[in-house]
């Protein structure tokens, strides 16, 4: 899916989740090399993203179980006008107008 995209973007929150999942310095290095080799651009947090994520938490938190990181990732996609690519759309499907593309690892 990444290979077919002209514009390769990643939320700083998604990046931090990937770092959190690294089990060793080697995995961290592989992650960083992959992102660099893929020409991945990091989308920073902004005040607007924080505000929108707060609205998502207030509006959907109890109903869907959307958590902080997912709210920030969804808000980042919306604020940047891009689709959110995820392997799990459970926490995103209730957000109207959020384009979500589901991928299944092979």
C-alpha atoms as a PDB file:
ATOM      1  CA  UNK A   1       0.000   0.000   0.000  1.00  0.00           C
ATOM      2  CA  UNK A   2       2.831   2.399   0.877  1.00  0.00           C
ATOM      3  CA  UNK A   3       4.652   1.665  -2.357  1.00  0.00           C
ATOM      4  CA  UNK A   4       1.639   2.790  -4.415  1.00  0.00           C
ATOM      5  CA  UNK A   5       1.363   6.196  -2.731  1.00  0.00           C
ATOM      6  CA  UNK A   6       3.010   9.299  -4.160  1.00  0.00           C
ATOM      7  CA  UNK A   7       2.736  11.220  -0.895  1.00  0.00           C
ATOM      8  CA  UNK A   8       3.951   9.216   2.097  1.00  0.00           C
ATOM      9  CA  UNK A   9       2.953  10.728   5.408  1.00  0.00           C
ATOM     10  CA  UNK A  10       2.969   9.495   8.983  1.00  0.00           C
ATOM     11  CA  UNK A  11       1.528  11.120  12.079  1.00  0.00           C
ATOM     12  CA  UNK A  12       4.069  11.831  14.791  1.00  0.00           C
ATOM     13  CA  UNK A  13       1.774   9.809  17.070  1.00  0.00           C
ATOM     14  CA  UNK A  14       1.923   6.783  14.736  1.00  0.00           C
ATOM     15  CA  UNK A  15       5.688   7.172  14.628  1.00  0.00           C
ATOM     16  CA  UNK A  16       5.860   7.197  18.428  1.00  0.00           C
ATOM     17  CA  UNK A  17       3.662   4.068  18.566  1.00  0.00           C
ATOM     18  CA  UNK A  18       6.104   2.332  16.209  1.00  0.00           C
ATOM     19  CA  UNK A  19       9.042   3.408  18.383  1.00  0.00           C
ATOM     20  CA  UNK A  20       7.203   2.098  21.446  1.00  0.00           C
ATOM     21  CA  UNK A  21       6.862  -1.287  19.732  1.00  0.00           C
ATOM     22  CA  UNK A  22      10.576  -1.598  18.951  1.00  0.00           C
ATOM     23  CA  UNK A  23      12.125  -4.309  21.110  1.00  0.00           C
ATOM     24  CA  UNK A  24      15.771  -3.462  20.486  1.00  0.00           C
ATOM     25  CA  UNK A  25      18.119  -0.839  19.077  1.00  0.00           C
ATOM     26  CA  UNK A  26      18.331  -2.957  15.941  1.00  0.00           C
ATOM     27  CA  UNK A  27      14.549  -2.817  15.436  1.00  0.00           C
ATOM     28  CA  UNK A  28      14.624   0.932  16.083  1.00  0.00           C
ATOM     29  CA  UNK A  29      17.321   1.348  13.434  1.00  0.00           C
ATOM     30  CA  UNK A  30      15.351  -0.825  10.971  1.00  0.00           C
ATOM     31  CA  UNK A  31      12.243   1.280  11.582  1.00  0.00           C
ATOM     32  CA  UNK A  32      14.084   4.542  11.022  1.00  0.00           C
ATOM     33  CA  UNK A  33      15.772   3.179   7.893  1.00  0.00           C
ATOM     34  CA  UNK A  34      12.425   1.974   6.517  1.00  0.00           C
ATOM     35  CA  UNK A  35      10.819   5.378   7.044  1.00  0.00           C
ATOM     36  CA  UNK A  36      13.797   7.158   5.481  1.00  0.00           C
ATOM     37  CA  UNK A  37      13.990   4.742   2.530  1.00  0.00           C
ATOM     38  CA  UNK A  38      10.226   5.114   2.002  1.00  0.00           C
ATOM     39  CA  UNK A  39      10.573   8.925   1.904  1.00  0.00           C
ATOM     40  CA  UNK A  40       8.077   9.163   4.750  1.00  0.00           C
ATOM     41  CA  UNK A  41       7.260  12.698   5.938  1.00  0.00           C
ATOM     42  CA  UNK A  42       6.349  13.245   9.589  1.00  0.00           C
ATOM     43  CA  UNK A  43       3.127  15.183  10.270  1.00  0.00           C
ATOM     44  CA  UNK A  44       3.541  17.176  13.499  1.00  0.00           C
ATOM     45  CA  UNK A  45       0.948  17.919  16.145  1.00  0.00           C
ATOM     46  CA  UNK A  46      -0.693  21.315  15.907  1.00  0.00           C
ATOM     47  CA  UNK A  47      -3.116  23.264  18.053  1.00  0.00           C
ATOM     48  CA  UNK A  48      -5.917  22.461  15.579  1.00  0.00           C
ATOM     49  CA  UNK A  49      -5.124  18.744  15.746  1.00  0.00           C
ATOM     50  CA  UNK A  50      -5.255  18.884  19.546  1.00  0.00           C
ATOM     51  CA  UNK A  51      -8.582  20.683  19.475  1.00  0.00           C
ATOM     52  CA  UNK A  52     -10.116  18.289  16.936  1.00  0.00           C
ATOM     53  CA  UNK A  53      -8.842  15.245  18.875  1.00  0.00           C
ATOM     54  CA  UNK A  54     -10.439  16.626  22.040  1.00  0.00           C
ATOM     55  CA  UNK A  55     -13.764  16.957  20.219  1.00  0.00           C
ATOM     56  CA  UNK A  56     -13.448  13.339  19.031  1.00  0.00           C
ATOM     57  CA  UNK A  57     -12.754  12.153  22.578  1.00  0.00           C
ATOM     58  CA  UNK A  58     -15.748  14.075  23.941  1.00  0.00           C
ATOM     59  CA  UNK A  59     -18.076  13.005  21.148  1.00  0.00           C
ATOM     60  CA  UNK A  60     -17.038   9.374  20.614  1.00  0.00           C
ATOM     61  CA  UNK A  61     -14.991   8.302  23.650  1.00  0.00           C
ATOM     62  CA  UNK A  62     -17.743   6.632  25.631  1.00  0.00           C
ATOM     63  CA  UNK A  63     -19.608   5.292  22.611  1.00  0.00           C
ATOM     64  CA  UNK A  64     -16.736   3.747  20.671  1.00  0.00           C
ATOM     65  CA  UNK A  65     -13.832   3.516  23.055  1.00  0.00           C
ATOM     66  CA  UNK A  66     -11.620   5.769  20.936  1.00  0.00           C
ATOM     67  CA  UNK A  67      -8.425   6.400  22.877  1.00  0.00           C
ATOM     68  CA  UNK A  68      -6.068   9.366  22.972  1.00  0.00           C
ATOM     69  CA  UNK A  69      -3.606   8.157  20.332  1.00  0.00           C
ATOM     70  CA  UNK A  70      -6.348   7.141  17.888  1.00  0.00           C
ATOM     71  CA  UNK A  71      -8.120  10.485  18.339  1.00  0.00           C
ATOM     72  CA  UNK A  72      -4.866  12.326  17.614  1.00  0.00           C
ATOM     73  CA  UNK A  73      -4.136  10.155  14.567  1.00  0.00           C
ATOM     74  CA  UNK A  74      -7.649  10.677  13.176  1.00  0.00           C
ATOM     75  CA  UNK A  75      -7.446  14.418  13.819  1.00  0.00           C
ATOM     76  CA  UNK A  76      -4.059  14.560  12.075  1.00  0.00           C
ATOM     77  CA  UNK A  77      -5.521  12.918   8.964  1.00  0.00           C
ATOM     78  CA  UNK A  78      -8.542  15.224   8.943  1.00  0.00           C
ATOM     79  CA  UNK A  79      -6.522  18.395   9.496  1.00  0.00           C
ATOM     80  CA  UNK A  80      -4.133  17.451   6.683  1.00  0.00           C
ATOM     81  CA  UNK A  81      -6.875  16.350   4.285  1.00  0.00           C
ATOM     82  CA  UNK A  82      -5.497  12.835   3.825  1.00  0.00           C
ATOM     83  CA  UNK A  83      -6.847   9.308   4.188  1.00  0.00           C
ATOM     84  CA  UNK A  84      -6.052   7.372   7.321  1.00  0.00           C
ATOM     85  CA  UNK A  85      -4.531   3.991   6.570  1.00  0.00           C
ATOM     86  CA  UNK A  86      -5.114   1.406   9.293  1.00  0.00           C
ATOM     87  CA  UNK A  87      -5.312  -2.323   9.800  1.00  0.00           C
ATOM     88  CA  UNK A  88      -8.190  -1.787  12.244  1.00  0.00           C
ATOM     89  CA  UNK A  89     -10.998   0.700  11.634  1.00  0.00           C
ATOM     90  CA  UNK A  90     -13.003  -0.031  14.821  1.00  0.00           C
ATOM     91  CA  UNK A  91     -12.104   3.243  16.488  1.00  0.00           C
ATOM     92  CA  UNK A  92     -12.361   5.370  13.363  1.00  0.00           C
ATOM     93  CA  UNK A  93     -15.535   4.316  11.566  1.00  0.00           C
ATOM     94  CA  UNK A  94     -17.811   6.553  13.640  1.00  0.00           C
ATOM     95  CA  UNK A  95     -15.966   9.723  12.555  1.00  0.00           C
ATOM     96  CA  UNK A  96     -17.956  11.069   9.642  1.00  0.00           C
ATOM     97  CA  UNK A  97     -15.983  12.407   6.684  1.00  0.00           C
ATOM     98  CA  UNK A  98     -12.784  10.637   7.783  1.00  0.00           C
ATOM     99  CA  UNK A  99     -11.537   8.667   4.788  1.00  0.00           C
ATOM    100  CA  UNK A 100     -10.137   5.368   6.087  1.00  0.00           C
ATOM    101  CA  UNK A 101      -8.279   2.848   3.954  1.00  0.00           C
ATOM    102  CA  UNK A 102      -7.992  -0.619   5.500  1.00  0.00           C
ATOM    103  CA  UNK A 103      -4.962  -2.770   4.807  1.00  0.00           C
ATOM    104  CA  UNK A 104      -4.399  -6.389   5.615  1.00  0.00           C
ATOM    105  CA  UNK A 105      -0.777  -7.498   5.991  1.00  0.00           C
ATOM    106  CA  UNK A 106       0.079 -10.401   3.729  1.00  0.00           C
END
